[in-house]
Amino acid sequence: MAQYGTLRNYQLENAAEDVRGSHLYGVNDEKLGKITDVVFSNDTGEILYAVVDTGGWLSSKEFIVPAERIRVSAKHENDYEVSLTKTQIEDFPPYNEKDLETDNSWSDYETRYRAKWDDGPVMHREGSDRNITPPASQIPVARNVTPIDSASAAANERIIPAGADAVVIENTAVGIGGRWDTFQSRLRERRKQSAFGGPTTAGGESAEDFRKAV
């Protein structure tokens, strides 16, 4: 059995908790596409990637974004954002769901894909080619930070000092926040109840069987 799976057509009992259908925005509020699926661990139910349908502007149609790179959109309710441009996405190796069917195929793809994140993507100030995304070694670790209120904590909002150049915002250990965290919790609950092996993985349970087990 493969280690990872996708949900495909499986529907949650409460559609309002589903992040699929939400839009993903990039740098300068550019719409990148719609989240149509997630890649998750069959062992833990943890969501590792969001699968995004571009609607046609990308030759391979779909791309994936690591869950830890996604944050709640500051401008669009129930949507999400990531520090990416279309040009950066076009440089990713094409995503193919079939790679998830074997661990070797997915490991090979993930290595090539993650390498693109290691080399970038980086953020530049609009109208400038100056890199304003500091390397990880230069990003200070926040300690003893007290949320301003429950609303901001739920949305994982972080405070950036006035005049700071850094615009890449890391997710907290709690998760992305709001509907995303609820969605992942429901996925984990259903996985434990049905002991499914991943609706689309080789040898795993079908989406229909998973639905019946809920």
N, C-alpha and C. Protein backbone atom coordinates (compact mmCIF):
# COMPACT_ATOMS: atom_id res chain seq x y z
N MET A 1 0.83 -1.19 0.00
CA MET A 1 0.00 0.00 0.00
C MET A 1 0.88 1.26 0.00
N ALA A 2 0.53 2.19 -0.84
CA ALA A 2 1.28 3.44 -0.90
C ALA A 2 1.05 4.25 0.38
N GLN A 3 1.99 5.10 0.70
CA GLN A 3 1.93 5.87 1.95
C GLN A 3 1.00 7.08 1.86
N TYR A 4 0.69 7.51 0.63
CA TYR A 4 -0.06 8.75 0.48
C TYR A 4 -1.30 8.54 -0.39
N GLY A 5 -2.28 9.39 -0.18
CA GLY A 5 -3.52 9.28 -0.93
C GLY A 5 -4.13 10.63 -1.21
N THR A 6 -5.17 10.63 -2.03
CA THR A 6 -5.95 11.83 -2.31
C THR A 6 -7.43 11.50 -2.11
N LEU A 7 -8.26 12.51 -1.99
CA LEU A 7 -9.67 12.29 -1.71
C LEU A 7 -10.53 12.14 -2.96
N ARG A 8 -10.09 12.77 -4.05
CA ARG A 8 -10.87 12.77 -5.29
C ARG A 8 -12.31 13.21 -5.04
N ASN A 9 -13.28 12.29 -5.26
CA ASN A 9 -14.69 12.68 -5.19
C ASN A 9 -15.32 12.50 -3.82
N TYR A 10 -14.55 12.05 -2.84
CA TYR A 10 -15.12 11.85 -1.52
C TYR A 10 -15.63 13.17 -0.94
N GLN A 11 -16.83 13.14 -0.40
CA GLN A 11 -17.46 14.34 0.15
C GLN A 11 -17.59 14.24 1.66
N LEU A 12 -17.25 15.33 2.34
CA LEU A 12 -17.46 15.39 3.78
C LEU A 12 -18.95 15.50 4.08
N GLU A 13 -19.32 15.05 5.25
CA GLU A 13 -20.72 15.13 5.65
C GLU A 13 -21.17 16.58 5.71
N ASN A 14 -20.30 17.46 6.20
CA ASN A 14 -20.60 18.89 6.28
C ASN A 14 -19.76 19.61 5.23
N ALA A 15 -20.37 19.98 4.11
CA ALA A 15 -19.65 20.60 3.01
C ALA A 15 -19.00 21.92 3.41
N ALA A 16 -19.54 22.58 4.42
CA ALA A 16 -19.00 23.87 4.85
C ALA A 16 -17.61 23.72 5.46
N GLU A 17 -17.24 22.49 5.85
CA GLU A 17 -15.92 22.25 6.45
C GLU A 17 -14.86 21.88 5.40
N ASP A 18 -15.28 21.77 4.16
CA ASP A 18 -14.38 21.31 3.10
C ASP A 18 -13.63 22.48 2.48
N VAL A 19 -12.30 22.39 2.42
CA VAL A 19 -11.51 23.47 1.83
C VAL A 19 -11.47 23.36 0.30
N ARG A 20 -11.86 22.21 -0.24
CA ARG A 20 -11.87 22.06 -1.68
C ARG A 20 -12.93 22.99 -2.28
N GLY A 21 -12.54 23.71 -3.30
CA GLY A 21 -13.42 24.73 -3.87
C GLY A 21 -12.95 26.13 -3.53
N SER A 22 -12.09 26.22 -2.51
CA SER A 22 -11.52 27.52 -2.15
C SER A 22 -10.49 27.93 -3.20
N HIS A 23 -10.35 29.23 -3.39
CA HIS A 23 -9.36 29.74 -4.33
C HIS A 23 -8.02 29.98 -3.63
N LEU A 24 -6.96 29.88 -4.41
CA LEU A 24 -5.62 30.15 -3.91
C LEU A 24 -5.05 31.35 -4.66
N TYR A 25 -4.56 32.31 -3.89
CA TYR A 25 -4.00 33.53 -4.47
C TYR A 25 -2.50 33.57 -4.23
N GLY A 26 -1.80 34.23 -5.16
CA GLY A 26 -0.36 34.33 -5.06
C GLY A 26 0.10 35.75 -4.81
N VAL A 27 1.32 36.04 -5.24
CA VAL A 27 1.91 37.36 -5.07
C VAL A 27 1.06 38.42 -5.78
N ASN A 28 0.94 39.58 -5.14
CA ASN A 28 0.13 40.68 -5.67
C ASN A 28 -1.33 40.29 -5.89
N ASP A 29 -1.81 39.35 -5.05
CA ASP A 29 -3.21 38.94 -5.06
C ASP A 29 -3.63 38.33 -6.40
N GLU A 30 -2.69 37.71 -7.10
CA GLU A 30 -2.99 37.07 -8.37
C GLU A 30 -3.64 35.72 -8.11
N LYS A 31 -4.80 35.48 -8.75
CA LYS A 31 -5.49 34.22 -8.55
C LYS A 31 -4.74 33.12 -9.29
N LEU A 32 -4.36 32.07 -8.54
CA LEU A 32 -3.59 30.98 -9.11
C LEU A 32 -4.46 29.80 -9.52
N GLY A 33 -5.59 29.64 -8.86
CA GLY A 33 -6.47 28.53 -9.18
C GLY A 33 -7.35 28.15 -8.02
N LYS A 34 -7.94 26.97 -8.11
CA LYS A 34 -8.87 26.49 -7.11
C LYS A 34 -8.36 25.18 -6.51
N ILE A 35 -8.44 25.08 -5.19
CA ILE A 35 -8.05 23.85 -4.50
C ILE A 35 -9.10 22.78 -4.79
N THR A 36 -8.67 21.69 -5.42
CA THR A 36 -9.61 20.63 -5.79
C THR A 36 -9.37 19.32 -5.04
N ASP A 37 -8.23 19.19 -4.40
CA ASP A 37 -7.94 17.96 -3.68
C ASP A 37 -6.79 18.21 -2.71
N VAL A 38 -6.48 17.22 -1.91
CA VAL A 38 -5.32 17.29 -1.01
C VAL A 38 -4.58 15.97 -1.06
N VAL A 39 -3.28 16.02 -0.84
CA VAL A 39 -2.46 14.82 -0.70
C VAL A 39 -2.19 14.65 0.79
N PHE A 40 -2.52 13.47 1.32
CA PHE A 40 -2.39 13.26 2.76
C PHE A 40 -1.70 11.94 3.06
N SER A 41 -1.21 11.83 4.28
CA SER A 41 -0.57 10.61 4.73
C SER A 41 -1.62 9.58 5.11
N ASN A 42 -1.50 8.37 4.57
CA ASN A 42 -2.43 7.31 4.95
C ASN A 42 -2.24 6.88 6.39
N ASP A 43 -1.06 7.08 6.92
CA ASP A 43 -0.77 6.65 8.29
C ASP A 43 -1.36 7.59 9.34
N THR A 44 -1.28 8.89 9.08
CA THR A 44 -1.68 9.88 10.09
C THR A 44 -2.88 10.73 9.71
N GLY A 45 -3.20 10.79 8.41
CA GLY A 45 -4.27 11.68 7.98
C GLY A 45 -3.81 13.11 7.85
N GLU A 46 -2.52 13.37 8.03
CA GLU A 46 -2.01 14.73 7.90
C GLU A 46 -2.00 15.17 6.44
N ILE A 47 -2.50 16.38 6.21
CA ILE A 47 -2.50 16.93 4.85
C ILE A 47 -1.11 17.48 4.56
N LEU A 48 -0.51 16.99 3.48
CA LEU A 48 0.84 17.39 3.12
C LEU A 48 0.86 18.43 2.00
N TYR A 49 -0.08 18.31 1.07
CA TYR A 49 -0.12 19.23 -0.07
C TYR A 49 -1.57 19.55 -0.44
N ALA A 50 -1.77 20.73 -0.99
CA ALA A 50 -3.04 21.07 -1.63
C ALA A 50 -2.83 20.92 -3.13
N VAL A 51 -3.80 20.32 -3.80
CA VAL A 51 -3.77 20.19 -5.26
C VAL A 51 -4.60 21.33 -5.84
N VAL A 52 -4.00 22.10 -6.73
CA VAL A 52 -4.64 23.29 -7.26
C VAL A 52 -4.87 23.16 -8.75
N ASP A 53 -6.12 23.35 -9.18
CA ASP A 53 -6.48 23.35 -10.60
C ASP A 53 -6.37 24.79 -11.10
N THR A 54 -5.53 25.01 -12.09
CA THR A 54 -5.28 26.38 -12.57
C THR A 54 -6.34 26.89 -13.52
N GLY A 55 -7.21 25.99 -14.01
CA GLY A 55 -8.22 26.45 -14.95
C GLY A 55 -7.70 26.59 -16.37
N GLY A 56 -6.44 26.22 -16.59
CA GLY A 56 -5.93 26.22 -17.95
C GLY A 56 -4.68 27.04 -18.22
N TRP A 57 -4.30 27.95 -17.32
CA TRP A 57 -3.14 28.79 -17.64
C TRP A 57 -1.82 28.02 -17.53
N LEU A 58 -1.82 26.88 -16.81
CA LEU A 58 -0.63 26.06 -16.68
C LEU A 58 -0.75 24.86 -17.62
N SER A 59 0.32 24.53 -18.34
CA SER A 59 0.27 23.46 -19.33
C SER A 59 -0.12 22.12 -18.72
N SER A 60 0.35 21.84 -17.50
CA SER A 60 0.00 20.57 -16.85
C SER A 60 -1.32 20.66 -16.07
N LYS A 61 -1.96 21.83 -16.11
CA LYS A 61 -3.28 22.09 -15.52
C LYS A 61 -3.25 22.19 -14.01
N GLU A 62 -2.61 21.22 -13.31
CA GLU A 62 -2.61 21.21 -11.85
C GLU A 62 -1.19 21.36 -11.30
N PHE A 63 -1.10 21.88 -10.08
CA PHE A 63 0.16 21.89 -9.35
C PHE A 63 -0.15 21.69 -7.88
N ILE A 64 0.87 21.42 -7.09
CA ILE A 64 0.66 21.22 -5.66
C ILE A 64 1.42 22.27 -4.86
N VAL A 65 0.93 22.53 -3.65
CA VAL A 65 1.56 23.48 -2.74
C VAL A 65 1.69 22.81 -1.38
N PRO A 66 2.87 22.83 -0.78
CA PRO A 66 3.02 22.25 0.56
C PRO A 66 2.08 22.94 1.55
N ALA A 67 1.44 22.16 2.39
CA ALA A 67 0.48 22.72 3.34
C ALA A 67 1.12 23.78 4.24
N GLU A 68 2.41 23.57 4.58
CA GLU A 68 3.04 24.52 5.49
C GLU A 68 3.31 25.88 4.85
N ARG A 69 3.15 25.96 3.52
CA ARG A 69 3.37 27.23 2.81
C ARG A 69 2.08 28.04 2.65
N ILE A 70 0.96 27.40 2.93
CA ILE A 70 -0.35 28.03 2.72
C ILE A 70 -0.77 28.79 3.97
N ARG A 71 -1.44 29.91 3.77
CA ARG A 71 -1.99 30.67 4.87
C ARG A 71 -3.37 31.20 4.48
N VAL A 72 -4.15 31.59 5.46
CA VAL A 72 -5.49 32.13 5.22
C VAL A 72 -5.36 33.45 4.46
N SER A 73 -6.20 33.64 3.45
CA SER A 73 -6.15 34.87 2.67
C SER A 73 -6.55 36.06 3.52
N ALA A 74 -5.79 37.14 3.39
CA ALA A 74 -6.08 38.36 4.14
C ALA A 74 -7.17 39.18 3.47
N LYS A 75 -7.45 38.88 2.19
CA LYS A 75 -8.40 39.70 1.44
C LYS A 75 -9.67 38.96 1.01
N HIS A 76 -9.60 37.63 0.95
CA HIS A 76 -10.72 36.86 0.42
C HIS A 76 -11.20 35.85 1.44
N GLU A 77 -12.44 35.99 1.86
CA GLU A 77 -13.00 35.11 2.87
C GLU A 77 -13.06 33.67 2.39
N ASN A 78 -12.67 32.76 3.24
CA ASN A 78 -12.69 31.32 2.97
C ASN A 78 -11.72 30.90 1.86
N ASP A 79 -10.80 31.77 1.50
CA ASP A 79 -9.79 31.43 0.51
C ASP A 79 -8.41 31.46 1.15
N TYR A 80 -7.37 31.11 0.34
CA TYR A 80 -6.02 30.98 0.87
C TYR A 80 -5.01 31.67 -0.04
N GLU A 81 -3.80 31.83 0.47
CA GLU A 81 -2.76 32.49 -0.30
C GLU A 81 -1.41 31.84 -0.05
N VAL A 82 -0.50 32.08 -0.98
CA VAL A 82 0.85 31.51 -0.90
C VAL A 82 1.78 32.48 -1.61
N SER A 83 3.02 32.53 -1.17
CA SER A 83 4.01 33.44 -1.77
C SER A 83 4.60 32.82 -3.03
N LEU A 84 3.79 32.81 -4.08
CA LEU A 84 4.19 32.25 -5.37
C LEU A 84 3.69 33.12 -6.51
N THR A 85 4.41 33.10 -7.62
CA THR A 85 3.95 33.72 -8.85
C THR A 85 3.71 32.62 -9.87
N LYS A 86 3.01 32.93 -10.94
CA LYS A 86 2.77 31.94 -11.99
C LYS A 86 4.08 31.50 -12.63
N THR A 87 5.01 32.41 -12.75
CA THR A 87 6.30 32.08 -13.34
C THR A 87 7.02 31.04 -12.50
N GLN A 88 6.97 31.17 -11.19
CA GLN A 88 7.60 30.21 -10.30
C GLN A 88 6.92 28.84 -10.40
N ILE A 89 5.61 28.85 -10.48
CA ILE A 89 4.85 27.60 -10.57
C ILE A 89 5.17 26.87 -11.87
N GLU A 90 5.35 27.60 -12.94
CA GLU A 90 5.68 26.99 -14.24
C GLU A 90 7.02 26.28 -14.21
N ASP A 91 7.84 26.60 -13.23
CA ASP A 91 9.15 25.97 -13.10
C ASP A 91 9.10 24.68 -12.28
N PHE A 92 7.95 24.40 -11.64
CA PHE A 92 7.81 23.16 -10.88
C PHE A 92 7.72 21.97 -11.84
N PRO A 93 8.20 20.80 -11.43
CA PRO A 93 7.97 19.61 -12.25
C PRO A 93 6.47 19.32 -12.30
N PRO A 94 5.94 18.90 -13.44
CA PRO A 94 4.49 18.66 -13.58
C PRO A 94 3.98 17.65 -12.56
N TYR A 95 2.85 17.97 -11.94
CA TYR A 95 2.24 17.06 -10.97
C TYR A 95 1.39 16.03 -11.71
N ASN A 96 1.55 14.76 -11.35
CA ASN A 96 0.76 13.67 -11.91
C ASN A 96 0.30 12.79 -10.76
N GLU A 97 -1.02 12.71 -10.57
CA GLU A 97 -1.56 11.95 -9.45
C GLU A 97 -1.11 10.49 -9.45
N LYS A 98 -0.82 9.94 -10.62
CA LYS A 98 -0.40 8.55 -10.70
C LYS A 98 0.91 8.29 -9.96
N ASP A 99 1.71 9.33 -9.78
CA ASP A 99 2.97 9.16 -9.04
C ASP A 99 2.72 8.72 -7.61
N LEU A 100 1.52 8.99 -7.09
CA LEU A 100 1.20 8.61 -5.72
C LEU A 100 0.97 7.11 -5.56
N GLU A 101 0.83 6.40 -6.66
CA GLU A 101 0.50 4.98 -6.59
C GLU A 101 1.65 4.12 -6.07
N THR A 102 2.87 4.60 -6.22
CA THR A 102 4.02 3.86 -5.67
C THR A 102 4.90 4.83 -4.90
N ASP A 103 5.47 4.35 -3.82
CA ASP A 103 6.31 5.20 -2.98
C ASP A 103 7.54 5.69 -3.73
N ASN A 104 8.10 4.84 -4.58
CA ASN A 104 9.30 5.23 -5.33
C ASN A 104 9.02 6.38 -6.29
N SER A 105 7.90 6.28 -6.99
CA SER A 105 7.54 7.32 -7.95
C SER A 105 7.29 8.65 -7.23
N TRP A 106 6.57 8.58 -6.11
CA TRP A 106 6.27 9.81 -5.38
C TRP A 106 7.53 10.39 -4.75
N SER A 107 8.38 9.55 -4.22
CA SER A 107 9.62 10.02 -3.62
C SER A 107 10.48 10.74 -4.65
N ASP A 108 10.54 10.19 -5.86
CA ASP A 108 11.31 10.81 -6.93
C ASP A 108 10.73 12.17 -7.30
N TYR A 109 9.40 12.21 -7.44
CA TYR A 109 8.76 13.48 -7.78
C TYR A 109 8.95 14.50 -6.66
N GLU A 110 8.73 14.08 -5.43
CA GLU A 110 8.81 15.00 -4.31
C GLU A 110 10.23 15.57 -4.16
N THR A 111 11.24 14.76 -4.44
CA THR A 111 12.62 15.24 -4.38
C THR A 111 12.85 16.34 -5.40
N ARG A 112 12.37 16.13 -6.62
CA ARG A 112 12.54 17.14 -7.67
C ARG A 112 11.73 18.39 -7.37
N TYR A 113 10.53 18.19 -6.83
CA TYR A 113 9.65 19.31 -6.51
C TYR A 113 10.21 20.15 -5.36
N ARG A 114 10.63 19.48 -4.29
CA ARG A 114 11.15 20.20 -3.13
C ARG A 114 12.44 20.94 -3.45
N ALA A 115 13.19 20.42 -4.42
CA ALA A 115 14.43 21.09 -4.81
C ALA A 115 14.14 22.48 -5.35
N LYS A 116 13.00 22.64 -5.98
CA LYS A 116 12.62 23.95 -6.49
C LYS A 116 12.33 24.93 -5.36
N TRP A 117 11.83 24.41 -4.24
CA TRP A 117 11.59 25.27 -3.08
C TRP A 117 12.89 25.59 -2.37
N ASP A 118 13.84 24.65 -2.39
CA ASP A 118 15.13 24.91 -1.77
C ASP A 118 15.86 26.03 -2.50
N ASP A 119 15.72 26.05 -3.82
CA ASP A 119 16.37 27.08 -4.63
C ASP A 119 15.53 28.36 -4.67
N GLY A 120 14.34 28.32 -4.24
CA GLY A 120 13.36 29.39 -4.28
C GLY A 120 12.08 28.75 -3.81
N PRO A 121 10.92 29.28 -4.11
CA PRO A 121 10.77 30.60 -4.71
C PRO A 121 11.16 31.71 -3.71
N VAL A 122 11.57 32.83 -4.23
CA VAL A 122 11.89 33.97 -3.39
C VAL A 122 10.97 35.12 -3.74
N MET A 123 10.83 36.01 -2.80
CA MET A 123 9.97 37.18 -3.00
C MET A 123 10.82 38.40 -3.31
N HIS A 124 10.34 39.21 -4.23
CA HIS A 124 11.00 40.47 -4.55
C HIS A 124 10.01 41.61 -4.36
N ARG A 125 10.53 42.74 -3.95
CA ARG A 125 9.68 43.91 -3.85
C ARG A 125 9.21 44.28 -5.25
N GLU A 126 7.93 44.65 -5.37
CA GLU A 126 7.35 44.98 -6.66
C GLU A 126 8.18 46.08 -7.36
N GLY A 127 8.53 45.81 -8.63
CA GLY A 127 9.31 46.79 -9.38
C GLY A 127 10.79 46.71 -9.14
N SER A 128 11.23 45.66 -8.41
CA SER A 128 12.63 45.53 -8.08
C SER A 128 13.04 44.08 -8.20
N ASP A 129 14.33 43.83 -8.48
CA ASP A 129 14.82 42.46 -8.52
C ASP A 129 15.56 42.09 -7.25
N ARG A 130 15.42 42.92 -6.21
CA ARG A 130 16.12 42.65 -4.96
C ARG A 130 15.38 41.59 -4.16
N ASN A 131 16.10 40.57 -3.77
CA ASN A 131 15.53 39.48 -2.99
C ASN A 131 15.22 39.98 -1.58
N ILE A 132 13.96 39.87 -1.17
CA ILE A 132 13.60 40.31 0.18
C ILE A 132 13.18 39.13 1.05
N THR A 133 13.35 37.92 0.54
CA THR A 133 13.07 36.75 1.35
C THR A 133 14.36 36.27 1.99
N PRO A 134 14.51 36.43 3.30
CA PRO A 134 15.77 36.03 3.95
C PRO A 134 15.90 34.53 3.98
N PRO A 135 17.13 34.00 3.95
CA PRO A 135 17.31 32.56 4.11
C PRO A 135 16.85 32.13 5.48
N ALA A 136 16.57 30.82 5.62
CA ALA A 136 16.03 30.31 6.89
C ALA A 136 16.95 30.64 8.07
N SER A 137 18.26 30.65 7.82
CA SER A 137 19.22 30.90 8.90
C SER A 137 19.11 32.32 9.45
N GLN A 138 18.50 33.22 8.66
CA GLN A 138 18.39 34.60 9.10
C GLN A 138 17.02 34.95 9.64
N ILE A 139 16.10 33.98 9.63
CA ILE A 139 14.75 34.25 10.13
C ILE A 139 14.72 33.99 11.62
N PRO A 140 14.46 34.99 12.44
CA PRO A 140 14.46 34.79 13.89
C PRO A 140 13.31 33.92 14.34
N VAL A 141 13.53 33.14 15.38
CA VAL A 141 12.49 32.29 15.93
C VAL A 141 11.75 33.07 17.01
N ALA A 142 10.44 33.21 16.82
CA ALA A 142 9.65 33.97 17.78
C ALA A 142 9.42 33.15 19.03
N ARG A 143 9.57 33.79 20.19
CA ARG A 143 9.34 33.10 21.46
C ARG A 143 8.44 33.93 22.34
N ASN A 144 7.61 33.22 23.11
CA ASN A 144 6.71 33.88 24.07
C ASN A 144 5.84 34.93 23.42
N VAL A 145 5.28 34.57 22.24
CA VAL A 145 4.40 35.49 21.54
C VAL A 145 2.98 35.25 22.00
N THR A 146 2.31 36.27 22.46
CA THR A 146 0.94 36.15 22.93
C THR A 146 -0.01 36.69 21.88
N PRO A 147 -0.98 35.88 21.40
CA PRO A 147 -1.92 36.37 20.39
C PRO A 147 -2.69 37.58 20.90
N ILE A 148 -3.03 38.49 19.98
CA ILE A 148 -3.77 39.70 20.35
C ILE A 148 -5.18 39.32 20.76
N ASP A 149 -5.81 38.44 19.97
CA ASP A 149 -7.14 38.00 20.32
C ASP A 149 -7.39 36.64 19.67
N SER A 150 -8.52 36.04 20.00
CA SER A 150 -8.80 34.70 19.51
C SER A 150 -9.02 34.69 18.01
N ALA A 151 -9.55 35.76 17.45
CA ALA A 151 -9.81 35.79 16.01
C ALA A 151 -8.51 35.75 15.23
N SER A 152 -7.55 36.55 15.67
CA SER A 152 -6.27 36.56 14.95
C SER A 152 -5.53 35.26 15.16
N ALA A 153 -5.68 34.67 16.33
CA ALA A 153 -5.02 33.40 16.59
C ALA A 153 -5.60 32.32 15.70
N ALA A 154 -6.92 32.34 15.52
CA ALA A 154 -7.57 31.33 14.71
C ALA A 154 -7.13 31.42 13.26
N ALA A 155 -6.87 32.63 12.81
CA ALA A 155 -6.48 32.83 11.41
C ALA A 155 -4.98 32.76 11.23
N ASN A 156 -4.26 32.50 12.34
CA ASN A 156 -2.80 32.42 12.29
C ASN A 156 -2.17 33.70 11.80
N GLU A 157 -2.68 34.83 12.19
CA GLU A 157 -2.10 36.10 11.78
C GLU A 157 -0.87 36.37 12.63
N ARG A 158 0.19 36.84 11.95
CA ARG A 158 1.41 37.20 12.64
C ARG A 158 1.68 38.67 12.47
N ILE A 159 2.37 39.26 13.44
CA ILE A 159 2.68 40.69 13.38
C ILE A 159 4.05 40.87 12.77
N ILE A 160 4.15 41.74 11.75
CA ILE A 160 5.42 42.06 11.12
C ILE A 160 5.75 43.50 11.48
N PRO A 161 6.91 43.75 12.03
CA PRO A 161 7.28 45.11 12.42
C PRO A 161 7.15 46.09 11.25
N ALA A 162 6.74 47.31 11.57
CA ALA A 162 6.59 48.34 10.54
C ALA A 162 7.90 48.53 9.81
N GLY A 163 7.81 48.53 8.48
CA GLY A 163 8.99 48.76 7.67
C GLY A 163 9.77 47.51 7.37
N ALA A 164 9.32 46.37 7.89
CA ALA A 164 10.06 45.12 7.63
C ALA A 164 9.87 44.71 6.18
N ASP A 165 10.92 44.15 5.58
CA ASP A 165 10.85 43.73 4.19
C ASP A 165 10.27 42.34 4.03
N ALA A 166 10.44 41.49 5.05
CA ALA A 166 10.03 40.10 4.93
C ALA A 166 8.52 39.97 4.77
N VAL A 167 8.09 39.22 3.76
CA VAL A 167 6.67 39.02 3.54
C VAL A 167 6.29 37.55 3.59
N VAL A 168 7.26 36.66 3.72
CA VAL A 168 6.97 35.25 3.85
C VAL A 168 6.57 34.97 5.29
N ILE A 169 5.38 34.43 5.50
CA ILE A 169 4.85 34.21 6.84
C ILE A 169 4.74 32.72 7.08
N GLU A 170 5.37 32.26 8.12
CA GLU A 170 5.34 30.84 8.45
C GLU A 170 4.07 30.50 9.22
N ASN A 171 3.56 29.29 8.99
CA ASN A 171 2.42 28.82 9.76
C ASN A 171 2.87 28.43 11.16
N THR A 172 1.99 28.55 12.13
CA THR A 172 2.32 28.16 13.48
C THR A 172 2.16 26.65 13.62
N ALA A 173 2.60 26.13 14.76
CA ALA A 173 2.49 24.69 14.98
C ALA A 173 1.04 24.25 15.09
N VAL A 174 0.13 25.19 15.38
CA VAL A 174 -1.28 24.86 15.52
C VAL A 174 -1.86 24.44 14.20
N GLY A 175 -1.39 25.03 13.10
CA GLY A 175 -1.92 24.74 11.78
C GLY A 175 -2.21 26.01 11.02
N ILE A 176 -2.86 25.86 9.88
CA ILE A 176 -3.17 27.02 9.05
C ILE A 176 -4.27 27.84 9.70
N GLY A 177 -5.19 27.18 10.35
CA GLY A 177 -6.25 27.90 11.05
C GLY A 177 -7.61 27.69 10.43
N GLY A 178 -8.65 27.97 11.23
CA GLY A 178 -10.03 27.98 10.76
C GLY A 178 -10.46 26.71 10.06
N ARG A 179 -11.07 26.90 8.88
CA ARG A 179 -11.68 25.80 8.15
C ARG A 179 -10.66 24.73 7.74
N TRP A 180 -9.43 25.16 7.44
CA TRP A 180 -8.41 24.19 7.03
C TRP A 180 -8.14 23.18 8.14
N ASP A 181 -7.96 23.67 9.36
CA ASP A 181 -7.66 22.78 10.48
C ASP A 181 -8.85 21.87 10.79
N THR A 182 -10.07 22.40 10.65
CA THR A 182 -11.26 21.58 10.85
C THR A 182 -11.33 20.48 9.81
N PHE A 183 -11.03 20.85 8.57
CA PHE A 183 -11.03 19.89 7.46
C PHE A 183 -10.05 18.74 7.73
N GLN A 184 -8.86 19.09 8.18
CA GLN A 184 -7.86 18.06 8.47
C GLN A 184 -8.29 17.20 9.65
N SER A 185 -8.92 17.80 10.64
CA SER A 185 -9.40 17.03 11.79
C SER A 185 -10.46 16.02 11.36
N ARG A 186 -11.37 16.45 10.49
CA ARG A 186 -12.41 15.56 10.00
C ARG A 186 -11.80 14.41 9.19
N LEU A 187 -10.79 14.73 8.40
CA LEU A 187 -10.11 13.71 7.62
C LEU A 187 -9.48 12.66 8.54
N ARG A 188 -8.84 13.13 9.58
CA ARG A 188 -8.22 12.20 10.53
C ARG A 188 -9.26 11.35 11.25
N GLU A 189 -10.38 11.97 11.64
CA GLU A 189 -11.44 11.24 12.33
C GLU A 189 -12.01 10.14 11.44
N ARG A 190 -12.31 10.50 10.18
CA ARG A 190 -12.90 9.53 9.26
C ARG A 190 -11.91 8.40 8.97
N ARG A 191 -10.63 8.77 8.90
CA ARG A 191 -9.62 7.75 8.63
C ARG A 191 -9.57 6.73 9.76
N LYS A 192 -9.64 7.19 11.01
CA LYS A 192 -9.61 6.28 12.16
C LYS A 192 -10.86 5.41 12.21
N GLN A 193 -12.00 6.00 11.87
CA GLN A 193 -13.25 5.26 11.94
C GLN A 193 -13.33 4.16 10.89
N SER A 194 -12.82 4.47 9.69
CA SER A 194 -12.96 3.52 8.59
C SER A 194 -11.70 2.72 8.32
N ALA A 195 -10.56 3.18 8.92
CA ALA A 195 -9.27 2.53 8.69
C ALA A 195 -8.99 2.38 7.21
N PHE A 196 -9.33 3.43 6.44
CA PHE A 196 -9.14 3.35 5.00
C PHE A 196 -7.68 3.54 4.65
N GLY A 197 -7.32 3.02 3.47
CA GLY A 197 -5.93 3.08 3.05
C GLY A 197 -5.67 4.20 2.09
N GLY A 198 -6.62 5.11 1.89
CA GLY A 198 -6.43 6.19 0.94
C GLY A 198 -7.33 5.94 -0.26
N PRO A 199 -8.33 6.80 -0.48
CA PRO A 199 -9.32 6.58 -1.52
C PRO A 199 -8.74 6.34 -2.92
N THR A 200 -7.54 6.82 -3.23
CA THR A 200 -7.04 6.67 -4.58
C THR A 200 -5.72 5.94 -4.66
N THR A 201 -5.22 5.44 -3.55
CA THR A 201 -3.93 4.75 -3.60
C THR A 201 -4.10 3.31 -4.06
N ALA A 202 -3.04 2.77 -4.64
CA ALA A 202 -3.10 1.40 -5.14
C ALA A 202 -3.41 0.45 -4.00
N GLY A 203 -4.42 -0.40 -4.19
CA GLY A 203 -4.77 -1.38 -3.18
C GLY A 203 -5.58 -0.80 -2.05
N GLY A 204 -5.87 0.50 -2.10
CA GLY A 204 -6.61 1.15 -1.03
C GLY A 204 -8.11 1.05 -1.25
N GLU A 205 -8.84 1.59 -0.32
CA GLU A 205 -10.28 1.58 -0.37
C GLU A 205 -10.77 2.64 -1.32
N SER A 206 -11.89 2.40 -1.97
CA SER A 206 -12.44 3.39 -2.89
C SER A 206 -13.07 4.54 -2.13
N ALA A 207 -13.29 5.66 -2.85
CA ALA A 207 -13.94 6.79 -2.23
C ALA A 207 -15.35 6.42 -1.77
N GLU A 208 -16.02 5.55 -2.55
CA GLU A 208 -17.37 5.14 -2.20
C GLU A 208 -17.36 4.32 -0.91
N ASP A 209 -16.40 3.42 -0.77
CA ASP A 209 -16.29 2.62 0.46
C ASP A 209 -15.99 3.50 1.66
N PHE A 210 -15.15 4.51 1.45
CA PHE A 210 -14.81 5.45 2.53
C PHE A 210 -16.06 6.20 2.95
N ARG A 211 -16.87 6.60 1.97
CA ARG A 211 -18.07 7.36 2.27
C ARG A 211 -19.05 6.51 3.10
N LYS A 212 -19.17 5.25 2.77
CA LYS A 212 -20.09 4.35 3.49
C LYS A 212 -19.64 4.14 4.92
N ALA A 213 -18.34 4.25 5.15
CA ALA A 213 -17.81 4.01 6.49
C ALA A 213 -18.02 5.18 7.42
N VAL A 214 -18.36 6.34 6.87
CA VAL A 214 -18.51 7.55 7.69
C VAL A 214 -19.79 7.46 8.50
